[in-house]
């Protein structure tokens, strides 16, 4: 256990350099800090990229060309050791929005000339003074909605610009008490294990299960296409219940990293889950094709239980596996 200050400084300084770079300078900012065998994971259509030049050319340069005058607006910044086996180094985690003026097309989405905010979460593994790998997940369907497109049928929750923590203490530049991080990872681990015991044919009310892990006033900040829900009862009604009813053959593939610091923690997988749609979820039909879900979950703990949860799901990738090309379809649809 360390205070993670050197790793936080490296990533925070990298953010400053990257954010100040123009669309052509992204490669230099990356080369200065990433390792030679740098691996980057992102949502569809980017998927897995290798090396600074590829990440700059495929993702950062086009994004900076489209979202001009870009600003990074952080809501969470933390670091921790991976509580799972399998890697060296420290994971530095951030979440927030990349805000800019949507002045040029991006991924075929027509620009608006107005403010647009790309919601994101990112895990960076720092090893031997370099960023060795990154998982950066971002809500492309939400950007589509800001551009006047409707990529999905009406969602069960509500979607908006997702705010940061209610307590406004998620940006942890200073060391946090180790015991608080241990409490947070314990709460996350308990919730993950409790969900894994569910195999269908429920013998207890869903809200009863949820109350073991969550505070009554929990907020689940879901991705565009699903939306956000508030309180245990509405979460059960508007997301957790429909989600469990909408899939079968739920396979948990594990997580790549699970970390916590202070009252915050989270995990990501590649993929986290493999699921087969039974029909109805997100207005989509049933299928006999299993699909992978790549997910980042970030949490805030209050007391002994979880109370806020920010979720990033690669819905474009999941539905593409079901034969539905949301991105390709929306890129051809004019704004309303």
Protein backbone atom coordinates (compact mmCIF):
# COMPACT_ATOMS: atom_id res chain seq x y z
CA UNK A 1 0.00 0.00 0.00
CA UNK A 2 1.39 3.41 -0.99
CA UNK A 3 0.00 6.91 -1.11
CA UNK A 4 -0.03 6.74 -4.95
CA UNK A 5 1.08 10.36 -5.24
CA UNK A 6 3.75 9.85 -7.89
CA UNK A 7 1.39 7.83 -10.08
CA UNK A 8 -1.37 10.40 -9.71
CA UNK A 9 1.02 13.21 -10.63
CA UNK A 10 2.21 11.37 -13.72
CA UNK A 11 -1.36 10.88 -15.02
CA UNK A 12 -2.50 14.37 -14.01
CA UNK A 13 0.48 15.95 -15.79
CA UNK A 14 -0.25 13.77 -18.82
CA UNK A 15 -3.84 15.03 -18.86
CA UNK A 16 -2.60 18.63 -18.86
CA UNK A 17 -0.25 17.99 -21.77
CA UNK A 18 -2.85 16.04 -23.74
CA UNK A 19 -5.60 18.57 -23.12
CA UNK A 20 -3.39 21.47 -24.21
CA UNK A 21 -2.22 19.70 -27.36
CA UNK A 22 -3.94 20.40 -30.65
CA UNK A 23 -5.22 17.60 -32.84
CA UNK A 24 -1.76 17.08 -34.32
CA UNK A 25 0.05 17.17 -30.97
CA UNK A 26 -1.72 14.26 -29.31
CA UNK A 27 0.91 11.77 -30.45
CA UNK A 28 3.75 13.72 -28.79
CA UNK A 29 1.83 13.97 -25.52
CA UNK A 30 1.27 10.22 -25.54
CA UNK A 31 4.81 9.29 -26.56
CA UNK A 32 6.21 11.26 -23.62
CA UNK A 33 4.45 9.13 -21.02
CA UNK A 34 3.31 5.74 -22.36
CA UNK A 35 5.39 2.58 -22.54
CA UNK A 36 6.62 1.17 -25.88
CA UNK A 37 4.13 -1.73 -25.66
CA UNK A 38 1.24 0.53 -24.61
CA UNK A 39 -2.21 -1.08 -24.87
CA UNK A 40 -5.41 0.99 -25.10
CA UNK A 41 -8.93 -0.41 -24.81
CA UNK A 42 -11.91 1.65 -25.93
CA UNK A 43 -15.52 1.25 -26.97
CA UNK A 44 -16.68 0.35 -30.47
CA UNK A 45 -15.58 1.28 -33.10
CA UNK A 46 -12.10 1.75 -31.59
CA UNK A 47 -11.77 -1.47 -29.60
CA UNK A 48 -8.12 -2.36 -28.86
CA UNK A 49 -5.25 -0.19 -30.08
CA UNK A 50 -1.50 -0.51 -29.53
CA UNK A 51 1.12 2.22 -29.29
CA UNK A 52 1.00 5.98 -28.92
CA UNK A 53 0.79 6.73 -32.65
CA UNK A 54 -2.18 4.43 -33.23
CA UNK A 55 -4.13 5.80 -30.25
CA UNK A 56 -3.45 9.39 -31.34
CA UNK A 57 -4.30 8.76 -35.00
CA UNK A 58 -7.42 6.66 -34.42
CA UNK A 59 -8.95 8.33 -31.37
CA UNK A 60 -7.49 11.55 -29.99
CA UNK A 61 -6.68 13.48 -33.18
CA UNK A 62 -10.10 12.93 -34.80
CA UNK A 63 -11.90 13.68 -31.53
CA UNK A 64 -9.94 16.91 -30.99
CA UNK A 65 -10.64 17.93 -34.60
CA UNK A 66 -14.37 17.47 -33.99
CA UNK A 67 -14.71 18.82 -30.44
CA UNK A 68 -12.74 22.04 -30.66
CA UNK A 69 -11.53 24.02 -27.61
CA UNK A 70 -11.80 20.79 -25.63
CA UNK A 71 -11.79 20.87 -21.83
CA UNK A 72 -11.53 17.96 -19.42
CA UNK A 73 -14.04 18.34 -16.57
CA UNK A 74 -13.09 15.88 -13.85
CA UNK A 75 -15.53 14.49 -11.30
CA UNK A 76 -13.49 11.58 -9.92
CA UNK A 77 -9.72 11.12 -9.71
CA UNK A 78 -8.22 8.36 -7.60
CA UNK A 79 -5.64 5.58 -7.55
CA UNK A 80 -5.14 2.16 -6.03
CA UNK A 81 -3.56 -1.25 -6.26
CA UNK A 82 -5.42 -3.85 -8.24
CA UNK A 83 -7.08 -6.09 -5.65
CA UNK A 84 -7.19 -8.86 -8.27
CA UNK A 85 -4.14 -10.86 -9.30
CA UNK A 86 -2.44 -10.49 -12.61
CA UNK A 87 -0.64 -7.17 -13.12
CA UNK A 88 2.11 -4.92 -11.81
CA UNK A 89 1.81 -1.24 -11.05
CA UNK A 90 -0.85 1.12 -9.77
CA UNK A 91 -4.14 1.98 -11.48
CA UNK A 92 -5.04 5.68 -11.70
CA UNK A 93 -8.74 6.17 -12.37
CA UNK A 94 -10.63 9.23 -13.57
CA UNK A 95 -14.16 10.06 -14.63
CA UNK A 96 -15.86 13.12 -16.03
CA UNK A 97 -16.67 14.74 -19.35
CA UNK A 98 -14.65 15.94 -22.31
CA UNK A 99 -16.40 19.16 -23.30
CA UNK A 100 -15.92 21.01 -26.53
CA UNK A 101 -17.64 22.76 -29.42
CA UNK A 102 -18.99 20.13 -31.80
CA UNK A 103 -17.64 21.78 -34.96
CA UNK A 104 -16.73 18.86 -37.24
CA UNK A 105 -18.27 15.40 -37.85
CA UNK A 106 -17.10 12.57 -35.61
CA UNK A 107 -17.78 8.92 -36.46
CA UNK A 108 -20.26 10.14 -39.04
CA UNK A 109 -22.26 12.12 -36.47
CA UNK A 110 -23.09 15.55 -37.87
CA UNK A 111 -21.80 18.52 -35.82
CA UNK A 112 -24.03 21.05 -34.08
CA UNK A 113 -21.68 23.98 -33.56
CA UNK A 114 -22.77 23.90 -29.91
CA UNK A 115 -21.32 22.59 -26.66
CA UNK A 116 -21.12 18.81 -26.53
CA UNK A 117 -19.95 16.64 -23.65
CA UNK A 118 -18.47 13.16 -24.09
CA UNK A 119 -18.97 11.29 -20.83
CA UNK A 120 -15.99 9.04 -20.03
CA UNK A 121 -14.23 6.92 -17.42
CA UNK A 122 -10.63 5.80 -17.64
CA UNK A 123 -8.30 3.32 -15.92
CA UNK A 124 -4.55 3.86 -16.45
CA UNK A 125 -2.03 1.30 -15.22
CA UNK A 126 1.20 3.04 -14.23
CA UNK A 127 4.27 0.82 -14.07
CA UNK A 128 7.94 1.77 -13.92
CA UNK A 129 7.18 5.45 -14.44
CA UNK A 130 5.08 4.96 -17.58
CA UNK A 131 1.45 4.35 -18.48
CA UNK A 132 1.49 0.73 -19.61
CA UNK A 133 -2.18 0.34 -20.49
CA UNK A 134 -5.44 2.26 -20.55
CA UNK A 135 -9.11 1.36 -20.54
CA UNK A 136 -11.08 4.42 -21.68
CA UNK A 137 -14.84 3.92 -21.96
CA UNK A 138 -17.11 6.68 -23.30
CA UNK A 139 -20.81 7.19 -24.00
CA UNK A 140 -21.07 7.70 -27.76
CA UNK A 141 -24.90 7.27 -27.82
CA UNK A 142 -25.20 10.18 -25.39
CA UNK A 143 -23.21 12.36 -27.80
CA UNK A 144 -25.61 11.25 -30.56
CA UNK A 145 -28.54 12.40 -28.44
CA UNK A 146 -26.90 15.79 -27.92
CA UNK A 147 -26.68 16.03 -31.72
CA UNK A 148 -30.43 15.45 -32.07
CA UNK A 149 -30.33 11.74 -32.89
CA UNK A 150 -32.34 8.98 -31.21
CA UNK A 151 -30.17 5.83 -31.30
CA UNK A 152 -32.44 3.75 -29.05
CA UNK A 153 -36.14 3.40 -28.21
CA UNK A 154 -37.35 5.26 -25.07
CA UNK A 155 -35.32 4.18 -22.04
CA UNK A 156 -36.59 2.93 -18.70
CA UNK A 157 -34.56 5.49 -16.74
CA UNK A 158 -33.78 9.15 -17.33
CA UNK A 159 -30.65 10.42 -19.07
CA UNK A 160 -29.02 13.81 -18.75
CA UNK A 161 -25.55 15.22 -18.32
CA UNK A 162 -24.52 12.84 -15.56
CA UNK A 163 -23.21 14.78 -12.55
CA UNK A 164 -20.31 13.83 -10.34
CA UNK A 165 -20.59 12.84 -6.68
CA UNK A 166 -23.19 14.55 -4.54
CA UNK A 167 -20.47 15.16 -1.93
CA UNK A 168 -18.09 16.85 -4.45
CA UNK A 169 -15.10 15.04 -2.95
CA UNK A 170 -14.27 12.64 -5.76
CA UNK A 171 -11.10 14.40 -6.97
CA UNK A 172 -8.55 12.95 -4.57
CA UNK A 173 -5.24 14.63 -5.25
CA UNK A 174 -4.08 14.01 -1.65
CA UNK A 175 -3.52 10.65 0.07
CA UNK A 176 -6.58 9.02 1.62
CA UNK A 177 -6.79 6.90 4.80
CA UNK A 178 -6.04 3.30 3.73
CA UNK A 179 -8.79 1.92 5.94
CA UNK A 180 -11.42 3.88 4.00
CA UNK A 181 -10.33 2.32 0.73
CA UNK A 182 -10.43 -1.10 2.35
CA UNK A 183 -14.03 -0.48 3.46
CA UNK A 184 -14.96 0.60 -0.06
CA UNK A 185 -13.46 -2.43 -1.79
CA UNK A 186 -15.16 -4.66 0.78
CA UNK A 187 -18.53 -3.09 -0.05
CA UNK A 188 -17.92 -3.53 -3.80
CA UNK A 189 -16.76 -7.13 -3.39
CA UNK A 190 -19.81 -7.98 -1.29
CA UNK A 191 -22.17 -6.53 -3.91
CA UNK A 192 -20.44 -8.38 -6.77
CA UNK A 193 -20.56 -11.69 -4.93
CA UNK A 194 -24.18 -11.20 -3.88
CA UNK A 195 -25.27 -10.59 -7.48
CA UNK A 196 -23.38 -13.69 -8.65
CA UNK A 197 -25.50 -15.86 -6.38
CA UNK A 198 -28.60 -14.94 -8.43
CA UNK A 199 -29.37 -17.66 -10.98
CA UNK A 200 -32.98 -16.83 -11.83
CA UNK A 201 -36.12 -18.16 -10.21
CA UNK A 202 -35.86 -15.55 -7.49
CA UNK A 203 -36.97 -16.63 -4.03
CA UNK A 204 -36.77 -13.17 -2.47
CA UNK A 205 -37.90 -9.71 -3.61
CA UNK A 206 -35.24 -7.94 -5.67
CA UNK A 207 -35.35 -4.91 -3.36
CA UNK A 208 -34.48 -7.16 -0.44
CA UNK A 209 -31.31 -8.33 -2.17
CA UNK A 210 -30.38 -4.78 -3.17
CA UNK A 211 -30.77 -3.48 0.38
CA UNK A 212 -27.91 -5.69 1.51
CA UNK A 213 -25.47 -3.70 -0.67
CA UNK A 214 -27.07 -0.29 -1.26
CA UNK A 215 -28.30 2.66 0.75
CA UNK A 216 -31.97 3.47 0.32
CA UNK A 217 -31.25 6.74 -1.52
CA UNK A 218 -28.86 5.16 -4.02
CA UNK A 219 -28.40 6.70 -7.49
CA UNK A 220 -27.51 4.54 -10.50
CA UNK A 221 -26.11 6.78 -13.24
CA UNK A 222 -26.54 4.53 -16.29
CA UNK A 223 -25.54 5.01 -19.93
CA UNK A 224 -27.67 6.58 -22.65
CA UNK A 225 -30.20 4.00 -23.79
CA UNK A 226 -30.85 2.84 -20.22
CA UNK A 227 -30.71 6.02 -18.15
CA UNK A 228 -30.39 6.88 -14.48
CA UNK A 229 -32.51 5.75 -11.55
CA UNK A 230 -32.89 7.00 -7.96
CA UNK A 231 -33.75 4.96 -4.82
CA UNK A 232 -33.64 1.19 -4.46
CA UNK A 233 -37.26 0.67 -5.43
CA UNK A 234 -37.02 2.70 -8.65
CA UNK A 235 -33.67 1.07 -9.50
CA UNK A 236 -35.32 -2.34 -9.19
CA UNK A 237 -38.27 -1.18 -11.29
CA UNK A 238 -36.45 0.86 -13.94
CA UNK A 239 -33.21 -1.02 -14.48
CA UNK A 240 -32.20 -4.02 -12.38
CA UNK A 241 -35.48 -5.87 -12.79
CA UNK A 242 -35.81 -5.27 -16.57
CA UNK A 243 -32.12 -6.08 -17.06
CA UNK A 244 -32.35 -9.43 -15.31
CA UNK A 245 -35.58 -10.28 -17.09
CA UNK A 246 -34.13 -9.28 -20.47
CA UNK A 247 -31.24 -11.73 -20.57
CA UNK A 248 -30.52 -15.40 -20.03
CA UNK A 249 -27.36 -17.49 -19.73
CA UNK A 250 -25.64 -14.75 -17.74
CA UNK A 251 -21.89 -15.48 -17.68
CA UNK A 252 -19.57 -13.44 -15.47
CA UNK A 253 -16.16 -13.21 -17.14
CA UNK A 254 -14.40 -11.42 -14.30
CA UNK A 255 -12.67 -8.05 -14.10
CA UNK A 256 -9.30 -6.87 -15.34
CA UNK A 257 -8.85 -4.45 -12.45
CA UNK A 258 -10.72 -3.60 -9.25
CA UNK A 259 -9.44 -0.69 -7.15
CA UNK A 260 -10.53 1.69 -4.40
CA UNK A 261 -9.29 4.79 -2.62
CA UNK A 262 -11.13 6.62 0.13
CA UNK A 263 -14.88 6.40 -0.34
CA UNK A 264 -14.56 5.59 -4.06
CA UNK A 265 -13.79 2.50 -6.07
CA UNK A 266 -14.60 0.60 -9.21
CA UNK A 267 -13.69 -1.99 -11.79
CA UNK A 268 -13.62 -2.75 -15.49
CA UNK A 269 -13.73 -5.88 -17.59
CA UNK A 270 -12.98 -6.83 -21.19
CA UNK A 271 -15.64 -8.12 -21.31
CA UNK A 272 -17.35 -8.25 -17.91
CA UNK A 273 -20.41 -10.27 -18.95
CA UNK A 274 -21.70 -12.50 -21.72
CA UNK A 275 -25.49 -12.43 -22.07
CA UNK A 276 -28.18 -13.71 -24.43
CA UNK A 277 -31.21 -11.41 -24.96
CA UNK A 278 -34.63 -12.89 -24.17
CA UNK A 279 -36.34 -9.88 -25.76
CA UNK A 280 -37.71 -6.56 -24.61
CA UNK A 281 -34.65 -4.99 -23.03
CA UNK A 282 -33.98 -1.55 -24.57
CA UNK A 283 -36.83 -2.32 -26.98
CA UNK A 284 -34.76 -4.96 -28.76
CA UNK A 285 -35.94 -8.41 -29.93
CA UNK A 286 -34.96 -11.78 -28.52
CA UNK A 287 -31.89 -13.53 -29.88
CA UNK A 288 -30.08 -16.83 -29.62
CA UNK A 289 -26.73 -15.05 -29.99
CA UNK A 290 -24.70 -14.46 -26.82
CA UNK A 291 -23.07 -11.02 -26.66
CA UNK A 292 -20.26 -9.51 -24.62
CA UNK A 293 -20.67 -6.42 -22.43
CA UNK A 294 -17.64 -4.25 -21.74
CA UNK A 295 -18.33 -2.25 -18.58
CA UNK A 296 -16.75 0.26 -16.20
CA UNK A 297 -18.48 0.71 -12.85
CA UNK A 298 -17.43 3.43 -10.41
CA UNK A 299 -18.92 3.74 -6.92
CA UNK A 300 -19.19 6.05 -3.93
CA UNK A 301 -19.60 4.44 -0.53
CA UNK A 302 -21.53 6.05 2.32
CA UNK A 303 -21.20 4.20 5.60
CA UNK A 304 -20.99 0.47 5.02
CA UNK A 305 -22.96 0.45 1.77
CA UNK A 306 -22.76 1.80 -1.77
CA UNK A 307 -24.77 4.92 -2.55
CA UNK A 308 -23.78 6.23 -6.03
CA UNK A 309 -22.81 4.24 -9.12
CA UNK A 310 -21.63 5.51 -12.51
CA UNK A 311 -21.84 2.94 -15.32
CA UNK A 312 -20.32 2.83 -18.79
CA UNK A 313 -21.50 0.00 -21.08
CA UNK A 314 -20.41 -0.49 -24.69
CA UNK A 315 -23.96 -0.79 -25.99
CA UNK A 316 -22.87 -0.12 -29.58
CA UNK A 317 -20.59 -3.16 -29.43
CA UNK A 318 -23.16 -5.34 -27.67
CA UNK A 319 -25.98 -4.68 -30.14
CA UNK A 320 -23.59 -4.96 -33.10
CA UNK A 321 -23.00 -8.55 -31.99
CA UNK A 322 -26.77 -8.99 -32.28
CA UNK A 323 -26.68 -7.72 -35.87
CA UNK A 324 -27.81 -4.16 -35.10
CA UNK A 325 -25.30 -1.50 -36.25
CA UNK A 326 -26.49 1.49 -34.19
CA UNK A 327 -23.48 3.64 -35.10
CA UNK A 328 -23.72 2.90 -38.82
CA UNK A 329 -27.45 3.60 -38.84
CA UNK A 330 -27.23 6.87 -36.89
CA UNK A 331 -24.37 8.18 -39.02
CA UNK A 332 -26.77 8.17 -41.98
CA UNK A 333 -29.75 9.76 -40.22
CA UNK A 334 -30.13 13.56 -40.41
CA UNK A 335 -30.62 15.46 -37.16
CA UNK A 336 -34.17 16.27 -36.11
